[in-house]
PDB file of all heavy atoms in Angstrom:
ATOM      1  N   LYS A   1      -2.819  -1.824  -6.969  1.00  0.00           N
ATOM      2  CA  LYS A   1      -2.349  -1.387  -8.282  1.00  0.00           C
ATOM      3  C   LYS A   1      -0.969  -0.735  -8.162  1.00  0.00           C
ATOM      4  O   LYS A   1      -0.082  -0.980  -8.979  1.00  0.00           O
ATOM      5  CB  LYS A   1      -3.350  -0.408  -8.899  1.00  0.00           C
ATOM      6  CG  LYS A   1      -3.070  -0.059 -10.330  1.00  0.00           C
ATOM      7  CD  LYS A   1      -4.201   0.776 -10.908  1.00  0.00           C
ATOM      8  CE  LYS A   1      -3.973   1.061 -12.366  1.00  0.00           C
ATOM      9  NZ  LYS A   1      -5.040   1.852 -12.957  1.00  0.00           N
ATOM     10  N   VAL A   2      -0.781   0.074  -7.127  1.00  0.00           N
ATOM     11  CA  VAL A   2       0.519   0.700  -6.876  1.00  0.00           C
ATOM     12  C   VAL A   2       1.563  -0.375  -6.626  1.00  0.00           C
ATOM     13  O   VAL A   2       2.660  -0.338  -7.186  1.00  0.00           O
ATOM     14  CB  VAL A   2       0.435   1.689  -5.689  1.00  0.00           C
ATOM     15  CG1 VAL A   2       1.820   2.100  -5.223  1.00  0.00           C
ATOM     16  CG2 VAL A   2      -0.394   2.907  -6.063  1.00  0.00           C
ATOM     17  N   LEU A   3       1.230  -1.358  -5.813  1.00  0.00           N
ATOM     18  CA  LEU A   3       2.158  -2.450  -5.518  1.00  0.00           C
ATOM     19  C   LEU A   3       2.529  -3.206  -6.786  1.00  0.00           C
ATOM     20  O   LEU A   3       3.681  -3.568  -6.994  1.00  0.00           O
ATOM     21  CB  LEU A   3       1.551  -3.388  -4.479  1.00  0.00           C
ATOM     22  CG  LEU A   3       2.473  -4.416  -3.869  1.00  0.00           C
ATOM     23  CD1 LEU A   3       3.622  -3.755  -3.138  1.00  0.00           C
ATOM     24  CD2 LEU A   3       1.709  -5.326  -2.935  1.00  0.00           C
ATOM     25  N   ASP A   4       1.574  -3.398  -7.673  1.00  0.00           N
ATOM     26  CA  ASP A   4       1.826  -4.073  -8.943  1.00  0.00           C
ATOM     27  C   ASP A   4       2.793  -3.262  -9.809  1.00  0.00           C
ATOM     28  O   ASP A   4       3.703  -3.806 -10.422  1.00  0.00           O
ATOM     29  CB  ASP A   4       0.508  -4.307  -9.688  1.00  0.00           C
ATOM     30  CG  ASP A   4       0.686  -5.125 -10.943  1.00  0.00           C
ATOM     31  OD1 ASP A   4       1.389  -6.152 -10.893  1.00  0.00           O
ATOM     32  OD2 ASP A   4       0.127  -4.738 -11.987  1.00  0.00           O
ATOM     33  N   TYR A   5       2.616  -1.948  -9.865  1.00  0.00           N
ATOM     34  CA  TYR A   5       3.500  -1.084 -10.652  1.00  0.00           C
ATOM     35  C   TYR A   5       4.932  -1.095 -10.121  1.00  0.00           C
ATOM     36  O   TYR A   5       5.874  -0.930 -10.875  1.00  0.00           O
ATOM     37  CB  TYR A   5       2.990   0.361 -10.659  1.00  0.00           C
ATOM     38  CG  TYR A   5       2.062   0.679 -11.800  1.00  0.00           C
ATOM     39  CD1 TYR A   5       0.706   0.401 -11.722  1.00  0.00           C
ATOM     40  CD2 TYR A   5       2.524   1.275 -12.953  1.00  0.00           C
ATOM     41  CE1 TYR A   5      -0.155   0.702 -12.762  1.00  0.00           C
ATOM     42  CE2 TYR A   5       1.679   1.583 -14.007  1.00  0.00           C
ATOM     43  CZ  TYR A   5       0.346   1.291 -13.898  1.00  0.00           C
ATOM     44  OH  TYR A   5      -0.508   1.585 -14.925  1.00  0.00           O
ATOM     45  N   LEU A   6       5.089  -1.279  -8.812  1.00  0.00           N
ATOM     46  CA  LEU A   6       6.424  -1.288  -8.220  1.00  0.00           C
ATOM     47  C   LEU A   6       7.252  -2.484  -8.677  1.00  0.00           C
ATOM     48  O   LEU A   6       8.470  -2.403  -8.743  1.00  0.00           O
ATOM     49  CB  LEU A   6       6.338  -1.296  -6.692  1.00  0.00           C
ATOM     50  CG  LEU A   6       5.882  -0.014  -6.052  1.00  0.00           C
ATOM     51  CD1 LEU A   6       5.724  -0.206  -4.556  1.00  0.00           C
ATOM     52  CD2 LEU A   6       6.852   1.113  -6.333  1.00  0.00           C
ATOM     53  N   ASN A   7       6.573  -3.603  -8.971  1.00  0.00           N
ATOM     54  CA  ASN A   7       7.257  -4.808  -9.466  1.00  0.00           C
ATOM     55  C   ASN A   7       8.439  -5.184  -8.562  1.00  0.00           C
ATOM     56  O   ASN A   7       9.560  -5.351  -9.022  1.00  0.00           O
ATOM     57  CB  ASN A   7       7.713  -4.579 -10.907  1.00  0.00           C
ATOM     58  CG  ASN A   7       8.068  -5.886 -11.583  1.00  0.00           C
ATOM     59  OD1 ASN A   7       7.555  -6.939 -11.213  1.00  0.00           O
ATOM     60  ND2 ASN A   7       8.945  -5.830 -12.565  1.00  0.00           N
ATOM     61  N   ILE A   8       8.170  -5.289  -7.265  1.00  0.00           N
ATOM     62  CA  ILE A   8       9.237  -5.572  -6.311  1.00  0.00           C
ATOM     63  C   ILE A   8       9.365  -7.061  -6.029  1.00  0.00           C
ATOM     64  O   ILE A   8       8.426  -7.830  -6.210  1.00  0.00           O
ATOM     65  CB  ILE A   8       9.017  -4.814  -4.984  1.00  0.00           C
ATOM     66  CG1 ILE A   8       7.704  -5.248  -4.345  1.00  0.00           C
ATOM     67  CG2 ILE A   8       9.087  -3.336  -5.158  1.00  0.00           C
ATOM     68  CD1 ILE A   8       7.547  -4.784  -2.934  1.00  0.00           C
ATOM     69  N   ASP A   9      10.545  -7.447  -5.590  1.00  0.00           N
ATOM     70  CA  ASP A   9      10.827  -8.816  -5.177  1.00  0.00           C
ATOM     71  C   ASP A   9      10.420  -8.936  -3.716  1.00  0.00           C
ATOM     72  O   ASP A   9      11.091  -8.404  -2.830  1.00  0.00           O
ATOM     73  CB  ASP A   9      12.318  -9.108  -5.368  1.00  0.00           C
ATOM     74  CG  ASP A   9      12.716 -10.481  -4.885  1.00  0.00           C
ATOM     75  OD1 ASP A   9      11.820 -11.319  -4.629  1.00  0.00           O
ATOM     76  OD2 ASP A   9      13.926 -10.721  -4.746  1.00  0.00           O
ATOM     77  N   THR A  10       9.338  -9.640  -3.425  1.00  0.00           N
ATOM     78  CA  THR A  10       8.811  -9.722  -2.065  1.00  0.00           C
ATOM     79  C   THR A  10       9.663 -10.595  -1.151  1.00  0.00           C
ATOM     80  O   THR A  10       9.393 -10.676   0.041  1.00  0.00           O
ATOM     81  CB  THR A  10       7.362 -10.241  -2.068  1.00  0.00           C
ATOM     82  OG1 THR A  10       7.311 -11.496  -2.758  1.00  0.00           O
ATOM     83  CG2 THR A  10       6.430  -9.250  -2.731  1.00  0.00           C
ATOM     84  N   GLU A  11      10.683 -11.218  -1.678  1.00  0.00           N
ATOM     85  CA  GLU A  11      11.590 -12.023  -0.856  1.00  0.00           C
ATOM     86  C   GLU A  11      12.583 -11.153  -0.088  1.00  0.00           C
ATOM     87  O   GLU A  11      13.182 -11.614   0.882  1.00  0.00           O
ATOM     88  CB  GLU A  11      12.362 -13.014  -1.738  1.00  0.00           C
ATOM     89  CG  GLU A  11      11.482 -14.002  -2.494  1.00  0.00           C
ATOM     90  CD  GLU A  11      10.773 -14.982  -1.564  1.00  0.00           C
ATOM     91  OE1 GLU A  11      11.405 -15.440  -0.610  1.00  0.00           O
ATOM     92  OE2 GLU A  11       9.587 -15.257  -1.805  1.00  0.00           O
ATOM     93  N   ARG A  12      12.787  -9.913  -0.512  1.00  0.00           N
ATOM     94  CA  ARG A  12      13.803  -9.040   0.098  1.00  0.00           C
ATOM     95  C   ARG A  12      13.405  -8.505   1.461  1.00  0.00           C
ATOM     96  O   ARG A  12      14.265  -8.169   2.258  1.00  0.00           O
ATOM     97  CB  ARG A  12      14.090  -7.852  -0.817  1.00  0.00           C
ATOM     98  CG  ARG A  12      14.938  -8.211  -1.991  1.00  0.00           C
ATOM     99  CD  ARG A  12      15.363  -7.060  -2.849  1.00  0.00           C
ATOM    100  NE  ARG A  12      15.329  -5.763  -2.222  1.00  0.00           N
ATOM    101  CZ  ARG A  12      15.186  -4.632  -2.868  1.00  0.00           C
ATOM    102  NH1 ARG A  12      15.047  -4.649  -4.173  1.00  0.00           N
ATOM    103  NH2 ARG A  12      15.168  -3.477  -2.254  1.00  0.00           N
ATOM    104  N   GLY A  13      12.128  -8.375   1.727  1.00  0.00           N
ATOM    105  CA  GLY A  13      11.698  -7.806   2.998  1.00  0.00           C
ATOM    106  C   GLY A  13      10.203  -7.933   3.174  1.00  0.00           C
ATOM    107  O   GLY A  13       9.506  -8.513   2.346  1.00  0.00           O
ATOM    108  N   SER A  14       9.703  -7.373   4.257  1.00  0.00           N
ATOM    109  CA  SER A  14       8.279  -7.429   4.555  1.00  0.00           C
ATOM    110  C   SER A  14       7.529  -6.365   3.759  1.00  0.00           C
ATOM    111  O   SER A  14       8.009  -5.248   3.592  1.00  0.00           O
ATOM    112  CB  SER A  14       8.042  -7.179   6.043  1.00  0.00           C
ATOM    113  OG  SER A  14       8.680  -8.171   6.801  1.00  0.00           O
ATOM    114  N   VAL A  15       6.342  -6.735   3.282  1.00  0.00           N
ATOM    115  CA  VAL A  15       5.492  -5.820   2.526  1.00  0.00           C
ATOM    116  C   VAL A  15       4.117  -5.810   3.190  1.00  0.00           C
ATOM    117  O   VAL A  15       3.538  -6.875   3.419  1.00  0.00           O
ATOM    118  CB  VAL A  15       5.354  -6.264   1.049  1.00  0.00           C
ATOM    119  CG1 VAL A  15       4.396  -5.358   0.300  1.00  0.00           C
ATOM    120  CG2 VAL A  15       6.704  -6.310   0.375  1.00  0.00           C
ATOM    121  N   ALA A  16       3.621  -4.621   3.498  1.00  0.00           N
ATOM    122  CA  ALA A  16       2.289  -4.489   4.088  1.00  0.00           C
ATOM    123  C   ALA A  16       1.478  -3.513   3.246  1.00  0.00           C
ATOM    124  O   ALA A  16       1.956  -2.435   2.900  1.00  0.00           O
ATOM    125  CB  ALA A  16       2.392  -3.977   5.520  1.00  0.00           C
ATOM    126  N   VAL A  17       0.264  -3.919   2.910  1.00  0.00           N
ATOM    127  CA  VAL A  17      -0.673  -3.048   2.203  1.00  0.00           C
ATOM    128  C   VAL A  17      -1.876  -2.873   3.117  1.00  0.00           C
ATOM    129  O   VAL A  17      -2.524  -3.847   3.485  1.00  0.00           O
ATOM    130  CB  VAL A  17      -1.120  -3.646   0.849  1.00  0.00           C
ATOM    131  CG1 VAL A  17      -2.102  -2.717   0.163  1.00  0.00           C
ATOM    132  CG2 VAL A  17       0.066  -3.926  -0.035  1.00  0.00           C
ATOM    133  N   VAL A  18      -2.135  -1.644   3.507  1.00  0.00           N
ATOM    134  CA  VAL A  18      -3.268  -1.337   4.363  1.00  0.00           C
ATOM    135  C   VAL A  18      -4.245  -0.536   3.519  1.00  0.00           C
ATOM    136  O   VAL A  18      -3.884   0.493   2.950  1.00  0.00           O
ATOM    137  CB  VAL A  18      -2.824  -0.536   5.609  1.00  0.00           C
ATOM    138  CG1 VAL A  18      -3.989  -0.334   6.545  1.00  0.00           C
ATOM    139  CG2 VAL A  18      -1.675  -1.232   6.315  1.00  0.00           C
ATOM    140  N   MET A  19      -5.477  -1.017   3.440  1.00  0.00           N
ATOM    141  CA  MET A  19      -6.449  -0.395   2.545  1.00  0.00           C
ATOM    142  C   MET A  19      -7.608   0.222   3.327  1.00  0.00           C
ATOM    143  O   MET A  19      -8.016  -0.297   4.358  1.00  0.00           O
ATOM    144  CB  MET A  19      -6.952  -1.427   1.539  1.00  0.00           C
ATOM    145  CG  MET A  19      -5.820  -1.992   0.686  1.00  0.00           C
ATOM    146  SD  MET A  19      -6.359  -3.210  -0.512  1.00  0.00           S
ATOM    147  CE  MET A  19      -7.055  -2.121  -1.733  1.00  0.00           C
ATOM    148  N   ASN A  20      -8.123   1.305   2.782  1.00  0.00           N
ATOM    149  CA  ASN A  20      -9.294   1.999   3.316  1.00  0.00           C
ATOM    150  C   ASN A  20      -9.129   2.446   4.765  1.00  0.00           C
ATOM    151  O   ASN A  20     -10.011   2.293   5.594  1.00  0.00           O
ATOM    152  CB  ASN A  20     -10.550   1.132   3.162  1.00  0.00           C
ATOM    153  CG  ASN A  20     -10.896   0.920   1.719  1.00  0.00           C
ATOM    154  OD1 ASN A  20     -10.892   1.858   0.933  1.00  0.00           O
ATOM    155  ND2 ASN A  20     -11.169  -0.318   1.355  1.00  0.00           N
ATOM    156  N   VAL A  21      -7.958   3.044   5.043  1.00  0.00           N
ATOM    157  CA  VAL A  21      -7.670   3.586   6.367  1.00  0.00           C
ATOM    158  C   VAL A  21      -8.273   4.985   6.447  1.00  0.00           C
ATOM    159  O   VAL A  21      -8.253   5.726   5.467  1.00  0.00           O
ATOM    160  CB  VAL A  21      -6.136   3.653   6.577  1.00  0.00           C
ATOM    161  CG1 VAL A  21      -5.790   4.283   7.906  1.00  0.00           C
ATOM    162  CG2 VAL A  21      -5.529   2.282   6.447  1.00  0.00           C
ATOM    163  N   ARG A  22      -8.797   5.349   7.609  1.00  0.00           N
ATOM    164  CA  ARG A  22      -9.344   6.697   7.766  1.00  0.00           C
ATOM    165  C   ARG A  22      -8.249   7.744   7.618  1.00  0.00           C
ATOM    166  O   ARG A  22      -7.147   7.574   8.095  1.00  0.00           O
ATOM    167  CB  ARG A  22      -9.989   6.844   9.143  1.00  0.00           C
ATOM    168  CG  ARG A  22     -11.405   6.352   9.142  1.00  0.00           C
ATOM    169  CD  ARG A  22     -12.066   6.583  10.480  1.00  0.00           C
ATOM    170  NE  ARG A  22     -12.446   5.239  10.922  1.00  0.00           N
ATOM    171  CZ  ARG A  22     -12.217   4.733  12.112  1.00  0.00           C
ATOM    172  NH1 ARG A  22     -11.656   5.437  13.042  1.00  0.00           N
ATOM    173  NH2 ARG A  22     -12.577   3.517  12.388  1.00  0.00           N
ATOM    174  N   SER A  23      -8.600   8.819   6.916  1.00  0.00           N
ATOM    175  CA  SER A  23      -7.662   9.917   6.697  1.00  0.00           C
ATOM    176  C   SER A  23      -8.393  11.237   6.897  1.00  0.00           C
ATOM    177  O   SER A  23      -9.484  11.425   6.348  1.00  0.00           O
ATOM    178  CB  SER A  23      -7.110   9.843   5.267  1.00  0.00           C
ATOM    179  OG  SER A  23      -6.453  11.030   4.915  1.00  0.00           O
ATOM    180  N   SER A  24      -7.791  12.135   7.669  1.00  0.00           N
ATOM    181  CA  SER A  24      -8.429  13.429   7.887  1.00  0.00           C
ATOM    182  C   SER A  24      -8.421  14.278   6.616  1.00  0.00           C
ATOM    183  O   SER A  24      -9.304  15.078   6.381  1.00  0.00           O
ATOM    184  CB  SER A  24      -7.738  14.188   9.021  1.00  0.00           C
ATOM    185  OG  SER A  24      -6.369  14.353   8.732  1.00  0.00           O
ATOM    186  N   LYS A  25      -7.404  14.082   5.756  1.00  0.00           N
ATOM    187  CA  LYS A  25      -7.293  14.843   4.509  1.00  0.00           C
ATOM    188  C   LYS A  25      -8.185  14.302   3.398  1.00  0.00           C
ATOM    189  O   LYS A  25      -8.814  15.046   2.664  1.00  0.00           O
ATOM    190  CB  LYS A  25      -5.853  14.778   3.991  1.00  0.00           C
ATOM    191  CG  LYS A  25      -4.991  15.922   4.334  1.00  0.00           C
ATOM    192  CD  LYS A  25      -3.674  15.758   3.597  1.00  0.00           C
ATOM    193  CE  LYS A  25      -2.723  16.857   3.931  1.00  0.00           C
ATOM    194  NZ  LYS A  25      -1.439  16.660   3.293  1.00  0.00           N
ATOM    195  N   HIS A  26      -8.194  12.962   3.238  1.00  0.00           N
ATOM    196  CA  HIS A  26      -8.828  12.364   2.065  1.00  0.00           C
ATOM    197  C   HIS A  26     -10.053  11.510   2.379  1.00  0.00           C
ATOM    198  O   HIS A  26     -10.617  10.906   1.474  1.00  0.00           O
ATOM    199  CB  HIS A  26      -7.803  11.500   1.320  1.00  0.00           C
ATOM    200  CG  HIS A  26      -6.556  12.240   0.947  1.00  0.00           C
ATOM    201  ND1 HIS A  26      -6.526  13.210  -0.020  1.00  0.00           N
ATOM    202  CD2 HIS A  26      -5.298  12.166   1.422  1.00  0.00           C
ATOM    203  CE1 HIS A  26      -5.304  13.694  -0.138  1.00  0.00           C
ATOM    204  NE2 HIS A  26      -4.534  13.086   0.736  1.00  0.00           N
ATOM    205  N   GLY A  27     -10.447  11.419   3.625  1.00  0.00           N
ATOM    206  CA  GLY A  27     -11.565  10.555   3.982  1.00  0.00           C
ATOM    207  C   GLY A  27     -11.070   9.133   4.213  1.00  0.00           C
ATOM    208  O   GLY A  27     -11.091   8.618   5.308  1.00  0.00           O
ATOM    209  N   LYS A  28     -10.592   8.491   3.136  1.00  0.00           N
ATOM    210  CA  LYS A  28      -9.989   7.168   3.220  1.00  0.00           C
ATOM    211  C   LYS A  28      -8.768   7.134   2.324  1.00  0.00           C
ATOM    212  O   LYS A  28      -8.682   7.878   1.357  1.00  0.00           O
ATOM    213  CB  LYS A  28     -10.973   6.085   2.782  1.00  0.00           C
ATOM    214  CG  LYS A  28     -12.107   5.891   3.754  1.00  0.00           C
ATOM    215  CD  LYS A  28     -12.896   4.654   3.422  1.00  0.00           C
ATOM    216  CE  LYS A  28     -13.972   4.490   4.471  1.00  0.00           C
ATOM    217  NZ  LYS A  28     -14.053   3.159   4.957  1.00  0.00           N
ATOM    218  N   LYS A  29      -7.827   6.265   2.663  1.00  0.00           N
ATOM    219  CA  LYS A  29      -6.600   6.149   1.883  1.00  0.00           C
ATOM    220  C   LYS A  29      -6.038   4.744   2.029  1.00  0.00           C
ATOM    221  O   LYS A  29      -6.470   3.978   2.886  1.00  0.00           O
ATOM    222  CB  LYS A  29      -5.556   7.170   2.356  1.00  0.00           C
ATOM    223  CG  LYS A  29      -5.061   6.905   3.778  1.00  0.00           C
ATOM    224  CD  LYS A  29      -4.027   7.912   4.206  1.00  0.00           C
ATOM    225  CE  LYS A  29      -3.548   7.635   5.639  1.00  0.00           C
ATOM    226  NZ  LYS A  29      -2.526   8.576   6.072  1.00  0.00           N
ATOM    227  N   ASP A  30      -5.066   4.417   1.188  1.00  0.00           N
ATOM    228  CA  ASP A  30      -4.296   3.180   1.298  1.00  0.00           C
ATOM    229  C   ASP A  30      -2.867   3.544   1.665  1.00  0.00           C
ATOM    230  O   ASP A  30      -2.402   4.657   1.379  1.00  0.00           O
ATOM    231  CB  ASP A  30      -4.288   2.404  -0.029  1.00  0.00           C
ATOM    232  CG  ASP A  30      -5.646   1.820  -0.394  1.00  0.00           C
ATOM    233  OD1 ASP A  30      -6.596   1.971   0.398  1.00  0.00           O
ATOM    234  OD2 ASP A  30      -5.747   1.222  -1.471  1.00  0.00           O
TER     235      ASP A  30
END
């Protein structure tokens, strides 16, 4: 959803979305 709001041109560079990563602060994060 965040990536969608950014409305970026994916041709300009590399884009990586990592989901449900462990986080000591939040439990899980993207």
